[in-house]
């Protein structure tokens, strides 16, 4: 199996035209459905099992819910014309504290759909000038347009979808 690089080690090139924004929106909108499809046949024991102390499938999904507040707040950073995007909590304290393994998967999925719907709704109303507006990203230390931020979120989603797929494949074999 190919060794996946860590999310924090990813490098990004943000050079695509603003005209691809609708495609990125569709990726973002589809994440909850993609996750539901991935996990629909998994037993609760698989959804909540950790491997080597790393997050379970439910915790990975919960993390996506937790970072939606950051994404929405960053949209507000663009609207306010700030110079820098607010930083992420790189320790992911919310995800650790919220005990997603003790929650019902249906409620987690419903929460993901709702929070993602709110985020996509904010993005859909943006005009071309706002989509191309760049603020400084604190961790990557690069200018990031709103379209780039949306792409970054979609890539983060795909990172966690891949993690969920690997967990499911590993636990199905055991």
N, C-alpha and C. Protein backbone atom coordinates (compact mmCIF):
# COMPACT_ATOMS: atom_id res chain seq x y z
N UNK A 1 0.84 -1.18 0.00
CA UNK A 1 0.00 0.00 0.00
C UNK A 1 0.89 1.25 0.00
N UNK A 2 0.52 2.24 -0.78
CA UNK A 2 1.28 3.48 -0.86
C UNK A 2 1.18 4.23 0.46
N UNK A 3 2.31 4.69 0.96
CA UNK A 3 2.34 5.46 2.20
C UNK A 3 1.83 6.88 1.90
N UNK A 4 0.82 7.28 2.61
CA UNK A 4 0.22 8.60 2.42
C UNK A 4 1.04 9.65 3.15
N UNK A 5 1.23 10.80 2.51
CA UNK A 5 1.93 11.88 3.20
C UNK A 5 0.97 12.55 4.18
N UNK A 6 1.52 13.13 5.21
CA UNK A 6 0.72 13.80 6.22
C UNK A 6 0.09 15.05 5.62
N UNK A 7 -1.10 15.39 6.10
CA UNK A 7 -1.79 16.59 5.62
C UNK A 7 -0.91 17.83 5.79
N UNK A 8 -0.26 17.94 6.91
CA UNK A 8 0.54 19.13 7.20
C UNK A 8 1.82 19.21 6.36
N UNK A 9 2.13 18.15 5.63
CA UNK A 9 3.30 18.16 4.75
C UNK A 9 2.94 18.44 3.29
N UNK A 10 1.65 18.54 3.01
CA UNK A 10 1.20 18.82 1.64
C UNK A 10 1.64 20.20 1.20
N UNK A 11 2.00 20.32 -0.04
CA UNK A 11 2.31 21.60 -0.68
C UNK A 11 1.23 21.85 -1.72
N UNK A 12 0.87 23.11 -1.89
CA UNK A 12 -0.21 23.46 -2.80
C UNK A 12 0.24 24.51 -3.79
N UNK A 13 -0.31 24.42 -4.98
CA UNK A 13 -0.13 25.44 -6.00
C UNK A 13 -1.51 26.00 -6.28
N UNK A 14 -1.67 27.28 -6.06
CA UNK A 14 -2.97 27.92 -6.26
C UNK A 14 -2.89 28.81 -7.49
N UNK A 15 -3.06 28.21 -8.65
CA UNK A 15 -2.90 28.98 -9.88
C UNK A 15 -4.01 28.74 -10.90
N UNK A 16 -5.12 28.18 -10.47
CA UNK A 16 -6.20 27.91 -11.42
C UNK A 16 -7.12 29.12 -11.53
N UNK A 17 -7.84 29.21 -12.65
CA UNK A 17 -8.70 30.38 -12.87
C UNK A 17 -9.94 30.37 -11.98
N UNK A 18 -10.45 31.56 -11.74
CA UNK A 18 -11.64 31.73 -10.92
C UNK A 18 -12.83 30.96 -11.52
N UNK A 19 -12.79 30.72 -12.82
CA UNK A 19 -13.87 30.01 -13.50
C UNK A 19 -14.07 28.57 -13.06
N UNK A 20 -13.14 27.99 -12.31
CA UNK A 20 -13.34 26.61 -11.81
C UNK A 20 -14.05 26.60 -10.46
N UNK A 21 -14.39 27.76 -9.94
CA UNK A 21 -15.05 27.85 -8.64
C UNK A 21 -16.31 26.97 -8.56
N UNK A 22 -17.19 26.96 -9.58
CA UNK A 22 -18.38 26.08 -9.50
C UNK A 22 -18.02 24.61 -9.34
N UNK A 23 -16.92 24.17 -9.92
CA UNK A 23 -16.50 22.77 -9.79
C UNK A 23 -16.08 22.47 -8.36
N UNK A 24 -15.38 23.42 -7.76
CA UNK A 24 -14.92 23.24 -6.38
C UNK A 24 -16.12 23.20 -5.44
N UNK A 25 -17.09 24.07 -5.70
CA UNK A 25 -18.32 24.08 -4.90
C UNK A 25 -18.99 22.70 -4.95
N UNK A 26 -19.03 22.10 -6.12
CA UNK A 26 -19.67 20.78 -6.24
C UNK A 26 -18.90 19.71 -5.48
N UNK A 27 -17.58 19.79 -5.49
CA UNK A 27 -16.79 18.85 -4.67
C UNK A 27 -17.17 18.99 -3.21
N UNK A 28 -17.22 20.24 -2.74
CA UNK A 28 -17.55 20.51 -1.34
C UNK A 28 -18.96 20.02 -1.01
N UNK A 29 -19.90 20.30 -1.88
CA UNK A 29 -21.28 19.89 -1.65
C UNK A 29 -21.41 18.37 -1.57
N UNK A 30 -20.58 17.66 -2.32
CA UNK A 30 -20.69 16.21 -2.39
C UNK A 30 -20.01 15.43 -1.28
N UNK A 31 -19.23 16.09 -0.46
CA UNK A 31 -18.50 15.36 0.58
C UNK A 31 -19.40 14.54 1.51
N UNK A 32 -20.48 15.10 2.06
CA UNK A 32 -21.32 14.27 2.94
C UNK A 32 -21.85 13.01 2.24
N UNK A 33 -22.28 13.14 1.00
CA UNK A 33 -22.80 11.97 0.28
C UNK A 33 -21.70 10.95 0.03
N UNK A 34 -20.51 11.41 -0.28
CA UNK A 34 -19.39 10.49 -0.51
C UNK A 34 -19.05 9.73 0.76
N UNK A 35 -19.07 10.43 1.88
CA UNK A 35 -18.80 9.75 3.16
C UNK A 35 -19.89 8.74 3.46
N UNK A 36 -21.14 9.12 3.28
CA UNK A 36 -22.25 8.20 3.54
C UNK A 36 -22.12 6.94 2.69
N UNK A 37 -21.75 7.11 1.44
CA UNK A 37 -21.58 5.96 0.56
C UNK A 37 -20.44 5.07 1.04
N UNK A 38 -19.36 5.68 1.48
CA UNK A 38 -18.19 4.93 1.95
C UNK A 38 -18.48 4.07 3.17
N UNK A 39 -19.31 4.57 4.06
CA UNK A 39 -19.49 3.88 5.36
C UNK A 39 -20.81 3.15 5.50
N UNK A 40 -21.66 3.20 4.50
CA UNK A 40 -23.04 2.70 4.65
C UNK A 40 -23.14 1.25 5.11
N UNK A 41 -22.18 0.42 4.79
CA UNK A 41 -22.27 -1.00 5.15
C UNK A 41 -21.36 -1.37 6.32
N UNK A 42 -20.81 -0.38 7.00
CA UNK A 42 -19.88 -0.67 8.09
C UNK A 42 -20.60 -0.79 9.42
N UNK A 43 -20.20 -1.78 10.19
CA UNK A 43 -20.76 -1.98 11.52
C UNK A 43 -20.25 -0.91 12.48
N UNK A 44 -21.02 -0.61 13.52
CA UNK A 44 -20.58 0.38 14.52
C UNK A 44 -19.20 0.09 15.10
N UNK A 45 -18.87 -1.17 15.29
CA UNK A 45 -17.56 -1.52 15.85
C UNK A 45 -16.42 -1.07 14.92
N UNK A 46 -16.65 -1.12 13.63
CA UNK A 46 -15.63 -0.66 12.67
C UNK A 46 -15.58 0.87 12.65
N UNK A 47 -16.75 1.51 12.72
CA UNK A 47 -16.81 2.98 12.68
C UNK A 47 -16.10 3.64 13.85
N UNK A 48 -16.03 2.95 14.97
CA UNK A 48 -15.48 3.56 16.18
C UNK A 48 -14.11 3.00 16.59
N UNK A 49 -13.59 2.09 15.81
CA UNK A 49 -12.30 1.48 16.18
C UNK A 49 -11.13 2.34 15.75
N UNK A 50 -10.21 2.52 16.67
CA UNK A 50 -8.96 3.22 16.37
C UNK A 50 -7.89 2.20 16.00
N UNK A 51 -7.01 2.62 15.11
CA UNK A 51 -5.86 1.79 14.73
C UNK A 51 -4.60 2.56 15.12
N UNK A 52 -3.77 1.93 15.93
CA UNK A 52 -2.52 2.55 16.37
C UNK A 52 -2.73 3.92 17.01
N UNK A 53 -3.82 4.07 17.75
CA UNK A 53 -4.07 5.32 18.47
C UNK A 53 -4.54 6.48 17.62
N UNK A 54 -4.76 6.23 16.33
CA UNK A 54 -5.22 7.31 15.44
C UNK A 54 -6.74 7.35 15.42
N UNK A 55 -7.29 8.47 14.95
CA UNK A 55 -8.73 8.64 14.92
C UNK A 55 -9.45 7.52 14.21
N UNK A 56 -10.63 7.20 14.73
CA UNK A 56 -11.53 6.24 14.09
C UNK A 56 -12.22 6.91 12.90
N UNK A 57 -13.03 6.14 12.20
CA UNK A 57 -13.81 6.69 11.09
C UNK A 57 -14.73 7.78 11.61
N UNK A 58 -15.44 7.53 12.69
CA UNK A 58 -16.36 8.54 13.24
C UNK A 58 -15.61 9.79 13.68
N UNK A 59 -14.44 9.63 14.23
CA UNK A 59 -13.65 10.79 14.65
C UNK A 59 -13.16 11.59 13.44
N UNK A 60 -12.81 10.91 12.36
CA UNK A 60 -12.43 11.62 11.14
C UNK A 60 -13.61 12.44 10.60
N UNK A 61 -14.79 11.86 10.61
CA UNK A 61 -15.97 12.59 10.16
C UNK A 61 -16.25 13.75 11.10
N UNK A 62 -16.16 13.50 12.39
CA UNK A 62 -16.37 14.56 13.38
C UNK A 62 -15.40 15.70 13.20
N UNK A 63 -14.17 15.39 12.87
CA UNK A 63 -13.17 16.43 12.61
C UNK A 63 -13.62 17.34 11.47
N UNK A 64 -14.18 16.77 10.42
CA UNK A 64 -14.67 17.59 9.31
C UNK A 64 -15.78 18.53 9.78
N UNK A 65 -16.61 18.08 10.68
CA UNK A 65 -17.64 18.95 11.26
C UNK A 65 -16.97 20.07 12.05
N UNK A 66 -16.01 19.72 12.85
CA UNK A 66 -15.35 20.70 13.72
C UNK A 66 -14.64 21.80 12.95
N UNK A 67 -14.03 21.47 11.83
CA UNK A 67 -13.31 22.51 11.08
C UNK A 67 -14.23 23.36 10.21
N UNK A 68 -15.49 22.98 10.08
CA UNK A 68 -16.43 23.80 9.31
C UNK A 68 -16.57 25.21 9.90
N UNK A 69 -16.49 25.31 11.22
CA UNK A 69 -16.57 26.64 11.85
C UNK A 69 -15.39 27.50 11.40
N UNK A 70 -14.21 26.91 11.33
CA UNK A 70 -13.04 27.65 10.85
C UNK A 70 -13.26 28.10 9.41
N UNK A 71 -13.75 27.20 8.56
CA UNK A 71 -13.96 27.55 7.16
C UNK A 71 -14.96 28.70 7.03
N UNK A 72 -16.06 28.60 7.75
CA UNK A 72 -17.07 29.67 7.70
C UNK A 72 -16.50 30.98 8.22
N UNK A 73 -15.73 30.91 9.29
CA UNK A 73 -15.12 32.13 9.83
C UNK A 73 -14.10 32.72 8.87
N UNK A 74 -13.42 31.88 8.13
CA UNK A 74 -12.48 32.39 7.13
C UNK A 74 -13.20 33.10 5.99
N UNK A 75 -14.39 32.62 5.63
CA UNK A 75 -15.18 33.34 4.64
C UNK A 75 -15.46 34.75 5.16
N UNK A 76 -15.75 34.85 6.44
CA UNK A 76 -15.99 36.18 7.05
C UNK A 76 -14.71 37.02 7.04
N UNK A 77 -13.54 36.39 7.17
CA UNK A 77 -12.27 37.13 7.06
C UNK A 77 -12.15 37.77 5.69
N UNK A 78 -12.54 37.04 4.64
CA UNK A 78 -12.52 37.60 3.28
C UNK A 78 -13.50 38.76 3.18
N UNK A 79 -14.71 38.55 3.66
CA UNK A 79 -15.73 39.60 3.59
C UNK A 79 -15.29 40.87 4.32
N UNK A 80 -14.59 40.69 5.43
CA UNK A 80 -14.14 41.83 6.23
C UNK A 80 -12.87 42.47 5.66
N UNK A 81 -12.28 41.85 4.65
CA UNK A 81 -11.09 42.42 4.04
C UNK A 81 -9.86 42.38 4.94
N UNK A 82 -9.79 41.37 5.79
CA UNK A 82 -8.63 41.24 6.68
C UNK A 82 -7.38 40.95 5.85
N UNK A 83 -6.26 41.09 6.46
CA UNK A 83 -4.98 40.82 5.78
C UNK A 83 -4.59 39.34 5.87
N UNK A 84 -5.00 38.69 6.97
CA UNK A 84 -4.60 37.31 7.22
C UNK A 84 -5.80 36.48 7.65
N UNK A 85 -5.82 35.24 7.19
CA UNK A 85 -6.85 34.30 7.64
C UNK A 85 -6.57 33.88 9.07
N UNK A 86 -7.64 33.65 9.80
CA UNK A 86 -7.44 33.18 11.18
C UNK A 86 -6.79 31.80 11.16
N UNK A 87 -5.98 31.49 12.16
CA UNK A 87 -5.27 30.20 12.18
C UNK A 87 -6.18 29.05 12.61
N UNK A 88 -5.79 27.88 12.20
CA UNK A 88 -6.47 26.65 12.63
C UNK A 88 -5.89 26.19 13.96
N UNK A 89 -6.68 25.42 14.69
CA UNK A 89 -6.21 24.76 15.90
C UNK A 89 -5.52 23.47 15.46
N UNK A 90 -4.22 23.49 15.37
CA UNK A 90 -3.48 22.35 14.85
C UNK A 90 -3.45 21.16 15.81
N UNK A 91 -3.89 21.37 17.06
CA UNK A 91 -4.00 20.24 17.98
C UNK A 91 -5.37 19.57 17.88
N UNK A 92 -6.29 20.19 17.16
CA UNK A 92 -7.63 19.63 16.96
C UNK A 92 -8.31 19.28 18.28
N UNK A 93 -8.25 20.19 19.22
CA UNK A 93 -8.79 19.94 20.55
C UNK A 93 -10.28 19.61 20.53
N UNK A 94 -11.03 20.29 19.68
CA UNK A 94 -12.48 20.00 19.61
C UNK A 94 -12.75 18.55 19.28
N UNK A 95 -12.06 18.05 18.29
CA UNK A 95 -12.29 16.67 17.87
C UNK A 95 -11.94 15.70 19.00
N UNK A 96 -10.89 15.99 19.70
CA UNK A 96 -10.48 15.13 20.82
C UNK A 96 -11.52 15.18 21.94
N UNK A 97 -12.05 16.37 22.23
CA UNK A 97 -12.97 16.56 23.36
C UNK A 97 -14.40 16.10 23.09
N UNK A 98 -14.82 16.01 21.87
CA UNK A 98 -16.24 15.79 21.56
C UNK A 98 -16.70 14.35 21.56
N UNK A 99 -15.86 13.41 21.78
CA UNK A 99 -16.24 11.99 21.91
C UNK A 99 -17.15 11.52 20.78
N UNK A 100 -16.68 11.64 19.57
CA UNK A 100 -17.48 11.20 18.42
C UNK A 100 -17.73 9.69 18.43
N UNK A 101 -16.87 8.93 19.06
CA UNK A 101 -17.10 7.48 19.12
C UNK A 101 -18.27 7.13 20.02
N UNK A 102 -18.65 8.02 20.90
CA UNK A 102 -19.79 7.79 21.78
C UNK A 102 -21.09 8.32 21.21
N UNK A 103 -21.06 8.81 19.99
CA UNK A 103 -22.25 9.38 19.36
C UNK A 103 -22.82 8.44 18.29
N UNK A 104 -24.06 8.69 17.96
CA UNK A 104 -24.75 7.95 16.90
C UNK A 104 -24.27 8.43 15.54
N UNK A 105 -23.91 7.51 14.66
CA UNK A 105 -23.38 7.88 13.35
C UNK A 105 -24.40 8.68 12.53
N UNK A 106 -25.68 8.36 12.66
CA UNK A 106 -26.69 9.11 11.90
C UNK A 106 -26.69 10.59 12.31
N UNK A 107 -26.53 10.86 13.59
CA UNK A 107 -26.48 12.24 14.07
C UNK A 107 -25.22 12.95 13.58
N UNK A 108 -24.11 12.23 13.55
CA UNK A 108 -22.86 12.82 13.05
C UNK A 108 -23.01 13.18 11.58
N UNK A 109 -23.56 12.26 10.80
CA UNK A 109 -23.74 12.52 9.36
C UNK A 109 -24.70 13.68 9.12
N UNK A 110 -25.75 13.75 9.91
CA UNK A 110 -26.71 14.86 9.78
C UNK A 110 -26.03 16.19 10.10
N UNK A 111 -25.20 16.21 11.12
CA UNK A 111 -24.48 17.42 11.49
C UNK A 111 -23.50 17.84 10.39
N UNK A 112 -22.82 16.87 9.79
CA UNK A 112 -21.91 17.18 8.68
C UNK A 112 -22.68 17.79 7.52
N UNK A 113 -23.81 17.19 7.17
CA UNK A 113 -24.62 17.74 6.06
C UNK A 113 -25.05 19.17 6.35
N UNK A 114 -25.49 19.43 7.58
CA UNK A 114 -25.97 20.77 7.93
C UNK A 114 -24.84 21.79 7.91
N UNK A 115 -23.71 21.47 8.54
CA UNK A 115 -22.62 22.44 8.60
C UNK A 115 -22.01 22.67 7.22
N UNK A 116 -21.90 21.61 6.43
CA UNK A 116 -21.36 21.77 5.08
C UNK A 116 -22.34 22.56 4.21
N UNK A 117 -23.62 22.33 4.40
CA UNK A 117 -24.61 23.10 3.64
C UNK A 117 -24.52 24.59 3.94
N UNK A 118 -24.29 24.93 5.20
CA UNK A 118 -24.12 26.34 5.57
C UNK A 118 -22.89 26.93 4.90
N UNK A 119 -21.78 26.20 4.92
CA UNK A 119 -20.54 26.68 4.31
C UNK A 119 -20.70 26.88 2.81
N UNK A 120 -21.25 25.89 2.13
CA UNK A 120 -21.46 25.99 0.69
C UNK A 120 -22.40 27.15 0.37
N UNK A 121 -23.43 27.33 1.20
CA UNK A 121 -24.35 28.45 1.00
C UNK A 121 -23.64 29.79 1.05
N UNK A 122 -22.69 29.94 1.95
CA UNK A 122 -21.90 31.19 2.02
C UNK A 122 -21.08 31.39 0.75
N UNK A 123 -20.49 30.32 0.26
CA UNK A 123 -19.64 30.42 -0.93
C UNK A 123 -20.44 30.71 -2.20
N UNK A 124 -21.63 30.14 -2.29
CA UNK A 124 -22.43 30.28 -3.51
C UNK A 124 -22.81 31.73 -3.81
N UNK A 125 -22.89 32.55 -2.79
CA UNK A 125 -23.30 33.93 -3.01
C UNK A 125 -22.17 34.89 -3.36
N UNK A 126 -20.96 34.37 -3.57
CA UNK A 126 -19.80 35.24 -3.80
C UNK A 126 -19.70 35.68 -5.26
N UNK A 127 -19.30 36.95 -5.43
CA UNK A 127 -19.07 37.44 -6.79
C UNK A 127 -17.61 37.19 -7.18
N UNK A 128 -17.31 37.42 -8.45
CA UNK A 128 -15.98 37.10 -8.98
C UNK A 128 -14.87 37.87 -8.27
N UNK A 129 -15.13 39.09 -7.90
CA UNK A 129 -14.10 39.88 -7.20
C UNK A 129 -13.77 39.25 -5.85
N UNK A 130 -14.80 38.84 -5.11
CA UNK A 130 -14.57 38.23 -3.80
C UNK A 130 -13.89 36.87 -3.95
N UNK A 131 -14.27 36.11 -4.96
CA UNK A 131 -13.68 34.78 -5.18
C UNK A 131 -12.18 34.90 -5.44
N UNK A 132 -11.77 35.99 -6.08
CA UNK A 132 -10.35 36.19 -6.39
C UNK A 132 -9.57 36.94 -5.33
N UNK A 133 -10.23 37.38 -4.27
CA UNK A 133 -9.56 38.13 -3.21
C UNK A 133 -8.60 37.23 -2.43
N UNK A 134 -7.37 37.71 -2.20
CA UNK A 134 -6.36 36.92 -1.51
C UNK A 134 -6.06 37.47 -0.12
N UNK A 135 -5.99 36.57 0.85
CA UNK A 135 -5.54 36.87 2.20
C UNK A 135 -4.36 35.92 2.49
N UNK A 136 -3.57 36.26 3.48
CA UNK A 136 -2.41 35.45 3.82
C UNK A 136 -2.84 34.25 4.67
N UNK A 137 -2.39 33.06 4.28
CA UNK A 137 -2.68 31.85 5.06
C UNK A 137 -1.56 31.68 6.08
N UNK A 138 -1.88 31.62 7.38
CA UNK A 138 -0.84 31.62 8.41
C UNK A 138 0.08 30.40 8.44
N UNK A 139 -0.43 29.20 8.19
CA UNK A 139 0.43 28.01 8.26
C UNK A 139 1.20 27.80 6.96
N UNK A 140 0.52 27.96 5.84
CA UNK A 140 1.18 27.75 4.55
C UNK A 140 2.09 28.91 4.18
N UNK A 141 1.84 30.07 4.79
CA UNK A 141 2.63 31.27 4.55
C UNK A 141 2.60 31.69 3.07
N UNK A 142 1.41 31.66 2.51
CA UNK A 142 1.20 32.06 1.11
C UNK A 142 -0.10 32.86 1.01
N UNK A 143 -0.21 33.69 -0.03
CA UNK A 143 -1.51 34.32 -0.26
C UNK A 143 -2.49 33.26 -0.73
N UNK A 144 -3.73 33.36 -0.26
CA UNK A 144 -4.74 32.38 -0.59
C UNK A 144 -6.03 33.11 -0.97
N UNK A 145 -6.42 32.96 -2.23
CA UNK A 145 -7.69 33.54 -2.67
C UNK A 145 -8.83 32.73 -2.06
N UNK A 146 -10.02 33.30 -2.07
CA UNK A 146 -11.19 32.57 -1.57
C UNK A 146 -11.36 31.27 -2.34
N UNK A 147 -11.17 31.29 -3.64
CA UNK A 147 -11.27 30.06 -4.43
C UNK A 147 -10.22 29.04 -3.97
N UNK A 148 -9.03 29.52 -3.62
CA UNK A 148 -7.98 28.63 -3.13
C UNK A 148 -8.36 28.02 -1.80
N UNK A 149 -8.97 28.83 -0.93
CA UNK A 149 -9.40 28.33 0.37
C UNK A 149 -10.45 27.24 0.19
N UNK A 150 -11.38 27.46 -0.73
CA UNK A 150 -12.40 26.44 -1.00
C UNK A 150 -11.75 25.16 -1.54
N UNK A 151 -10.80 25.31 -2.42
CA UNK A 151 -10.06 24.16 -2.95
C UNK A 151 -9.30 23.43 -1.83
N UNK A 152 -8.67 24.19 -0.96
CA UNK A 152 -7.94 23.66 0.18
C UNK A 152 -8.86 22.81 1.06
N UNK A 153 -10.08 23.31 1.29
CA UNK A 153 -11.07 22.56 2.09
C UNK A 153 -11.45 21.27 1.36
N UNK A 154 -11.65 21.34 0.05
CA UNK A 154 -12.00 20.13 -0.71
C UNK A 154 -10.87 19.11 -0.67
N UNK A 155 -9.64 19.57 -0.73
CA UNK A 155 -8.50 18.67 -0.63
C UNK A 155 -8.42 18.05 0.76
N UNK A 156 -8.71 18.85 1.79
CA UNK A 156 -8.73 18.34 3.16
C UNK A 156 -9.81 17.27 3.31
N UNK A 157 -10.97 17.52 2.71
CA UNK A 157 -12.03 16.50 2.71
C UNK A 157 -11.52 15.20 2.10
N UNK A 158 -10.88 15.31 0.93
CA UNK A 158 -10.41 14.12 0.23
C UNK A 158 -9.33 13.39 1.03
N UNK A 159 -8.50 14.14 1.72
CA UNK A 159 -7.51 13.51 2.60
C UNK A 159 -8.22 12.62 3.62
N UNK A 160 -9.26 13.16 4.27
CA UNK A 160 -9.97 12.37 5.29
C UNK A 160 -10.80 11.25 4.68
N UNK A 161 -11.33 11.44 3.49
CA UNK A 161 -12.02 10.35 2.80
C UNK A 161 -11.06 9.19 2.54
N UNK A 162 -9.85 9.52 2.14
CA UNK A 162 -8.85 8.47 1.89
C UNK A 162 -8.48 7.77 3.19
N UNK A 163 -8.35 8.52 4.27
CA UNK A 163 -8.07 7.91 5.58
C UNK A 163 -9.20 6.97 5.97
N UNK A 164 -10.43 7.42 5.81
CA UNK A 164 -11.60 6.59 6.14
C UNK A 164 -11.60 5.31 5.30
N UNK A 165 -11.31 5.43 4.02
CA UNK A 165 -11.25 4.25 3.14
C UNK A 165 -10.21 3.26 3.60
N UNK A 166 -9.05 3.77 3.99
CA UNK A 166 -7.98 2.89 4.46
C UNK A 166 -8.35 2.19 5.77
N UNK A 167 -8.95 2.94 6.67
CA UNK A 167 -9.38 2.33 7.93
C UNK A 167 -10.38 1.21 7.65
N UNK A 168 -11.37 1.52 6.82
CA UNK A 168 -12.41 0.53 6.50
C UNK A 168 -11.80 -0.71 5.85
N UNK A 169 -10.89 -0.51 4.91
CA UNK A 169 -10.26 -1.65 4.23
C UNK A 169 -9.44 -2.48 5.22
N UNK A 170 -8.72 -1.84 6.09
CA UNK A 170 -7.90 -2.56 7.09
C UNK A 170 -8.77 -3.37 8.03
N UNK A 171 -9.84 -2.77 8.52
CA UNK A 171 -10.68 -3.45 9.52
C UNK A 171 -11.57 -4.53 8.90
N UNK A 172 -11.91 -4.40 7.64
CA UNK A 172 -12.69 -5.45 6.98
C UNK A 172 -11.87 -6.73 6.86
N UNK A 173 -10.56 -6.58 6.69
CA UNK A 173 -9.67 -7.73 6.51
C UNK A 173 -9.44 -8.46 7.84
N UNK A 174 -9.49 -7.74 8.94
CA UNK A 174 -9.20 -8.34 10.26
C UNK A 174 -10.32 -9.24 10.73
